[in-house]
């Protein structure tokens, strides 16, 4: 992005935005770690074996931003019942 400074400034002058913060390599959190972060922040109604709602995902994004200073992260190893049927289960986790 450093090479694109002039272009980003031009776009920002017409469509203001905050610069994207990200880590190299990208932050990877397991679903379990994400649920733990939500529980630790007081969102104890999040089911560790169910999918996250859109609002819960937004909340987790804010928690990740505060803790890790990144806007981009990968949440992986979702429980089976929260994933599409065509995904391969993790061989070491039956949930």
N, C-alpha and C. Protein backbone atom coordinates (compact mmCIF):
# COMPACT_ATOMS: atom_id res chain seq x y z
N UNK A 1 0.82 -1.20 0.00
CA UNK A 1 0.00 0.00 0.00
C UNK A 1 0.86 1.26 0.00
N UNK A 2 2.09 1.14 0.45
CA UNK A 2 2.97 2.31 0.49
C UNK A 2 3.22 2.85 -0.91
N UNK A 3 3.20 1.98 -1.90
CA UNK A 3 3.41 2.40 -3.29
C UNK A 3 2.21 3.16 -3.84
N UNK A 4 1.08 3.01 -3.21
CA UNK A 4 -0.17 3.59 -3.71
C UNK A 4 -0.62 4.82 -2.92
N UNK A 5 0.28 5.47 -2.25
CA UNK A 5 -0.07 6.59 -1.37
C UNK A 5 -0.83 7.68 -2.10
N UNK A 6 -0.35 8.09 -3.24
CA UNK A 6 -1.01 9.17 -4.00
C UNK A 6 -2.43 8.76 -4.39
N UNK A 7 -2.59 7.54 -4.88
CA UNK A 7 -3.91 7.07 -5.30
C UNK A 7 -4.87 6.98 -4.12
N UNK A 8 -4.37 6.48 -3.00
CA UNK A 8 -5.22 6.37 -1.81
C UNK A 8 -5.64 7.74 -1.30
N UNK A 9 -4.74 8.71 -1.36
CA UNK A 9 -5.09 10.07 -0.95
C UNK A 9 -6.16 10.66 -1.86
N UNK A 10 -6.08 10.39 -3.15
CA UNK A 10 -7.08 10.87 -4.09
C UNK A 10 -8.45 10.27 -3.80
N UNK A 11 -8.49 8.95 -3.59
CA UNK A 11 -9.76 8.30 -3.26
C UNK A 11 -10.29 8.83 -1.93
N UNK A 12 -9.41 8.97 -0.94
CA UNK A 12 -9.82 9.44 0.38
C UNK A 12 -10.36 10.87 0.34
N UNK A 13 -9.89 11.67 -0.57
CA UNK A 13 -10.41 13.05 -0.66
C UNK A 13 -11.86 13.06 -1.13
N UNK A 14 -12.26 12.07 -1.92
CA UNK A 14 -13.64 11.99 -2.41
C UNK A 14 -14.52 11.08 -1.55
N UNK A 15 -13.92 10.03 -1.03
CA UNK A 15 -14.64 9.05 -0.22
C UNK A 15 -13.81 8.77 1.03
N UNK A 16 -13.97 9.60 2.06
CA UNK A 16 -13.13 9.46 3.25
C UNK A 16 -13.21 8.07 3.88
N UNK A 17 -12.07 7.57 4.30
CA UNK A 17 -11.98 6.27 4.95
C UNK A 17 -10.81 6.27 5.91
N UNK A 18 -10.86 5.35 6.86
CA UNK A 18 -9.73 5.16 7.77
C UNK A 18 -8.81 4.12 7.15
N UNK A 19 -7.51 4.32 7.24
CA UNK A 19 -6.59 3.34 6.67
C UNK A 19 -6.78 1.96 7.29
N UNK A 20 -6.71 0.95 6.46
CA UNK A 20 -6.84 -0.43 6.91
C UNK A 20 -5.60 -0.83 7.69
N UNK A 21 -5.81 -1.43 8.84
CA UNK A 21 -4.70 -1.95 9.64
C UNK A 21 -4.72 -3.47 9.54
N UNK A 22 -3.57 -4.05 9.26
CA UNK A 22 -3.49 -5.50 9.15
C UNK A 22 -2.10 -5.97 9.54
N UNK A 23 -2.03 -7.24 9.86
CA UNK A 23 -0.77 -7.85 10.28
C UNK A 23 -0.24 -8.75 9.16
N UNK A 24 1.06 -8.91 9.13
CA UNK A 24 1.71 -9.86 8.23
C UNK A 24 2.51 -10.83 9.07
N UNK A 25 2.24 -12.08 9.09
CA UNK A 25 1.12 -12.74 8.41
C UNK A 25 -0.20 -12.39 9.09
N UNK A 26 -1.28 -12.68 8.38
CA UNK A 26 -2.61 -12.37 8.90
C UNK A 26 -2.88 -13.12 10.20
N UNK A 27 -3.60 -12.47 11.09
CA UNK A 27 -3.99 -13.07 12.36
C UNK A 27 -4.98 -14.20 12.09
N UNK A 28 -4.74 -15.36 12.68
CA UNK A 28 -5.63 -16.52 12.58
C UNK A 28 -6.09 -16.89 13.98
N UNK A 29 -7.39 -16.88 14.17
CA UNK A 29 -7.99 -17.29 15.44
C UNK A 29 -8.91 -18.48 15.19
N UNK A 30 -8.90 -19.43 16.11
CA UNK A 30 -9.87 -20.51 16.00
C UNK A 30 -11.24 -19.99 16.44
N UNK A 31 -12.27 -20.67 16.01
CA UNK A 31 -13.62 -20.32 16.42
C UNK A 31 -13.70 -20.32 17.95
N UNK A 32 -13.07 -21.32 18.56
CA UNK A 32 -13.06 -21.42 20.02
C UNK A 32 -12.42 -20.19 20.66
N UNK A 33 -11.32 -19.70 20.10
CA UNK A 33 -10.66 -18.50 20.63
C UNK A 33 -11.57 -17.28 20.48
N UNK A 34 -12.26 -17.19 19.34
CA UNK A 34 -13.19 -16.07 19.13
C UNK A 34 -14.33 -16.08 20.13
N UNK A 35 -14.90 -17.26 20.37
CA UNK A 35 -15.99 -17.38 21.34
C UNK A 35 -15.48 -17.03 22.74
N UNK A 36 -14.27 -17.45 23.07
CA UNK A 36 -13.70 -17.12 24.38
C UNK A 36 -13.54 -15.60 24.53
N UNK A 37 -13.08 -14.94 23.48
CA UNK A 37 -12.96 -13.48 23.54
C UNK A 37 -14.32 -12.84 23.80
N UNK A 38 -15.36 -13.34 23.13
CA UNK A 38 -16.71 -12.80 23.33
C UNK A 38 -17.19 -13.07 24.75
N UNK A 39 -16.98 -14.28 25.25
CA UNK A 39 -17.39 -14.61 26.62
C UNK A 39 -16.65 -13.73 27.63
N UNK A 40 -15.34 -13.56 27.43
CA UNK A 40 -14.54 -12.73 28.35
C UNK A 40 -15.01 -11.28 28.35
N UNK A 41 -15.60 -10.84 27.23
CA UNK A 41 -16.10 -9.47 27.13
C UNK A 41 -17.53 -9.34 27.63
N UNK A 42 -18.09 -10.44 28.14
CA UNK A 42 -19.43 -10.37 28.72
C UNK A 42 -20.53 -10.90 27.83
N UNK A 43 -20.22 -11.38 26.64
CA UNK A 43 -21.22 -11.92 25.73
C UNK A 43 -21.34 -13.42 25.96
N UNK A 44 -21.91 -13.79 27.11
CA UNK A 44 -21.93 -15.18 27.53
C UNK A 44 -23.03 -15.99 26.86
N UNK A 45 -23.90 -15.34 26.11
CA UNK A 45 -24.98 -16.07 25.44
C UNK A 45 -24.54 -16.67 24.10
N UNK A 46 -23.28 -16.50 23.71
CA UNK A 46 -22.78 -17.04 22.45
C UNK A 46 -22.54 -18.54 22.63
N UNK A 47 -23.19 -19.33 21.79
CA UNK A 47 -23.08 -20.79 21.85
C UNK A 47 -21.80 -21.23 21.15
N UNK A 48 -20.91 -21.96 21.83
CA UNK A 48 -19.65 -22.37 21.23
C UNK A 48 -19.80 -23.43 20.14
N UNK A 49 -21.01 -23.96 19.95
CA UNK A 49 -21.23 -24.96 18.91
C UNK A 49 -22.19 -24.49 17.83
N UNK A 50 -22.46 -23.19 17.79
CA UNK A 50 -23.39 -22.64 16.80
C UNK A 50 -22.71 -21.51 16.05
N UNK A 51 -23.32 -21.09 14.96
CA UNK A 51 -22.77 -20.02 14.14
C UNK A 51 -22.91 -18.68 14.86
N UNK A 52 -22.13 -17.69 14.44
CA UNK A 52 -22.20 -16.35 15.00
C UNK A 52 -23.18 -15.51 14.19
N UNK A 53 -23.95 -14.68 14.85
CA UNK A 53 -24.83 -13.74 14.15
C UNK A 53 -23.99 -12.62 13.56
N UNK A 54 -24.55 -11.87 12.66
CA UNK A 54 -23.85 -10.75 12.04
C UNK A 54 -23.41 -9.75 13.10
N UNK A 55 -24.29 -9.44 14.03
CA UNK A 55 -23.95 -8.48 15.09
C UNK A 55 -22.83 -9.02 15.98
N UNK A 56 -22.86 -10.31 16.27
CA UNK A 56 -21.80 -10.90 17.08
C UNK A 56 -20.47 -10.87 16.34
N UNK A 57 -20.50 -11.11 15.03
CA UNK A 57 -19.28 -11.02 14.23
C UNK A 57 -18.71 -9.60 14.26
N UNK A 58 -19.57 -8.60 14.19
CA UNK A 58 -19.11 -7.21 14.27
C UNK A 58 -18.47 -6.93 15.63
N UNK A 59 -19.10 -7.43 16.68
CA UNK A 59 -18.55 -7.25 18.03
C UNK A 59 -17.19 -7.91 18.14
N UNK A 60 -17.07 -9.12 17.62
CA UNK A 60 -15.78 -9.81 17.65
C UNK A 60 -14.74 -9.03 16.87
N UNK A 61 -15.13 -8.46 15.74
CA UNK A 61 -14.20 -7.63 14.97
C UNK A 61 -13.67 -6.45 15.77
N UNK A 62 -14.54 -5.83 16.55
CA UNK A 62 -14.10 -4.71 17.40
C UNK A 62 -13.16 -5.19 18.50
N UNK A 63 -13.48 -6.33 19.08
CA UNK A 63 -12.61 -6.88 20.13
C UNK A 63 -11.23 -7.23 19.56
N UNK A 64 -11.21 -7.82 18.37
CA UNK A 64 -9.94 -8.16 17.72
C UNK A 64 -9.15 -6.90 17.41
N UNK A 65 -9.83 -5.87 16.91
CA UNK A 65 -9.16 -4.60 16.60
C UNK A 65 -8.53 -4.00 17.86
N UNK A 66 -9.27 -4.02 18.97
CA UNK A 66 -8.74 -3.47 20.22
C UNK A 66 -7.55 -4.26 20.74
N UNK A 67 -7.63 -5.58 20.66
CA UNK A 67 -6.59 -6.42 21.24
C UNK A 67 -5.37 -6.58 20.34
N UNK A 68 -5.60 -6.76 19.04
CA UNK A 68 -4.50 -7.09 18.12
C UNK A 68 -4.14 -5.96 17.15
N UNK A 69 -4.90 -4.87 17.15
CA UNK A 69 -4.63 -3.72 16.26
C UNK A 69 -4.65 -4.12 14.79
N UNK A 70 -5.67 -4.89 14.41
CA UNK A 70 -5.82 -5.29 13.01
C UNK A 70 -7.30 -5.28 12.63
N UNK A 71 -7.57 -4.89 11.39
CA UNK A 71 -8.94 -4.92 10.86
C UNK A 71 -9.24 -6.24 10.18
N UNK A 72 -8.21 -7.00 9.86
CA UNK A 72 -8.37 -8.22 9.09
C UNK A 72 -7.88 -9.41 9.90
N UNK A 73 -8.70 -10.43 10.00
CA UNK A 73 -8.29 -11.65 10.68
C UNK A 73 -9.06 -12.82 10.07
N UNK A 74 -8.56 -14.00 10.31
CA UNK A 74 -9.19 -15.22 9.81
C UNK A 74 -9.72 -15.99 11.01
N UNK A 75 -10.99 -16.30 10.99
CA UNK A 75 -11.61 -17.12 12.03
C UNK A 75 -11.85 -18.50 11.40
N UNK A 76 -11.19 -19.52 11.94
CA UNK A 76 -11.28 -20.83 11.32
C UNK A 76 -11.63 -21.90 12.34
N UNK A 77 -11.88 -23.09 11.84
CA UNK A 77 -12.26 -24.26 12.64
C UNK A 77 -13.64 -24.06 13.30
N UNK A 78 -14.59 -23.63 12.47
CA UNK A 78 -15.98 -23.51 12.92
C UNK A 78 -16.52 -24.90 13.30
N UNK A 79 -17.47 -24.97 14.23
CA UNK A 79 -18.09 -26.26 14.54
C UNK A 79 -18.87 -26.79 13.33
N UNK A 80 -19.02 -28.10 13.25
CA UNK A 80 -19.68 -28.73 12.11
C UNK A 80 -21.07 -28.17 11.81
N UNK A 81 -21.89 -27.97 12.83
CA UNK A 81 -23.26 -27.53 12.57
C UNK A 81 -23.34 -26.06 12.15
N UNK A 82 -22.23 -25.35 12.16
CA UNK A 82 -22.23 -23.95 11.74
C UNK A 82 -21.61 -23.79 10.35
N UNK A 83 -21.25 -24.91 9.72
CA UNK A 83 -20.59 -24.86 8.42
C UNK A 83 -21.47 -25.49 7.35
N UNK A 84 -21.26 -25.10 6.10
CA UNK A 84 -22.00 -25.73 5.00
C UNK A 84 -21.67 -27.22 4.92
N UNK A 85 -22.58 -27.98 4.36
CA UNK A 85 -22.42 -29.44 4.28
C UNK A 85 -21.20 -29.88 3.49
N UNK A 86 -20.74 -29.06 2.57
CA UNK A 86 -19.65 -29.48 1.68
C UNK A 86 -18.26 -29.22 2.25
N UNK A 87 -18.16 -28.69 3.45
CA UNK A 87 -16.84 -28.45 4.04
C UNK A 87 -16.33 -29.70 4.72
N UNK A 88 -15.03 -29.83 4.75
CA UNK A 88 -14.42 -31.01 5.35
C UNK A 88 -14.22 -30.78 6.84
N UNK A 89 -14.66 -31.73 7.66
CA UNK A 89 -14.46 -31.57 9.10
C UNK A 89 -12.98 -31.70 9.48
N UNK A 90 -12.60 -31.06 10.56
CA UNK A 90 -11.24 -31.19 11.06
C UNK A 90 -11.08 -32.60 11.63
N UNK A 91 -10.05 -33.32 11.22
CA UNK A 91 -9.90 -34.71 11.66
C UNK A 91 -9.71 -34.87 13.17
N UNK A 92 -9.25 -33.82 13.84
CA UNK A 92 -8.99 -33.91 15.27
C UNK A 92 -10.09 -33.29 16.13
N UNK A 93 -11.24 -32.93 15.50
CA UNK A 93 -12.31 -32.27 16.25
C UNK A 93 -13.64 -32.73 15.69
N UNK A 94 -14.40 -33.46 16.45
CA UNK A 94 -15.69 -34.00 15.99
C UNK A 94 -16.81 -32.96 16.06
N UNK A 95 -16.60 -31.84 16.73
CA UNK A 95 -17.63 -30.80 16.83
C UNK A 95 -17.58 -29.95 15.59
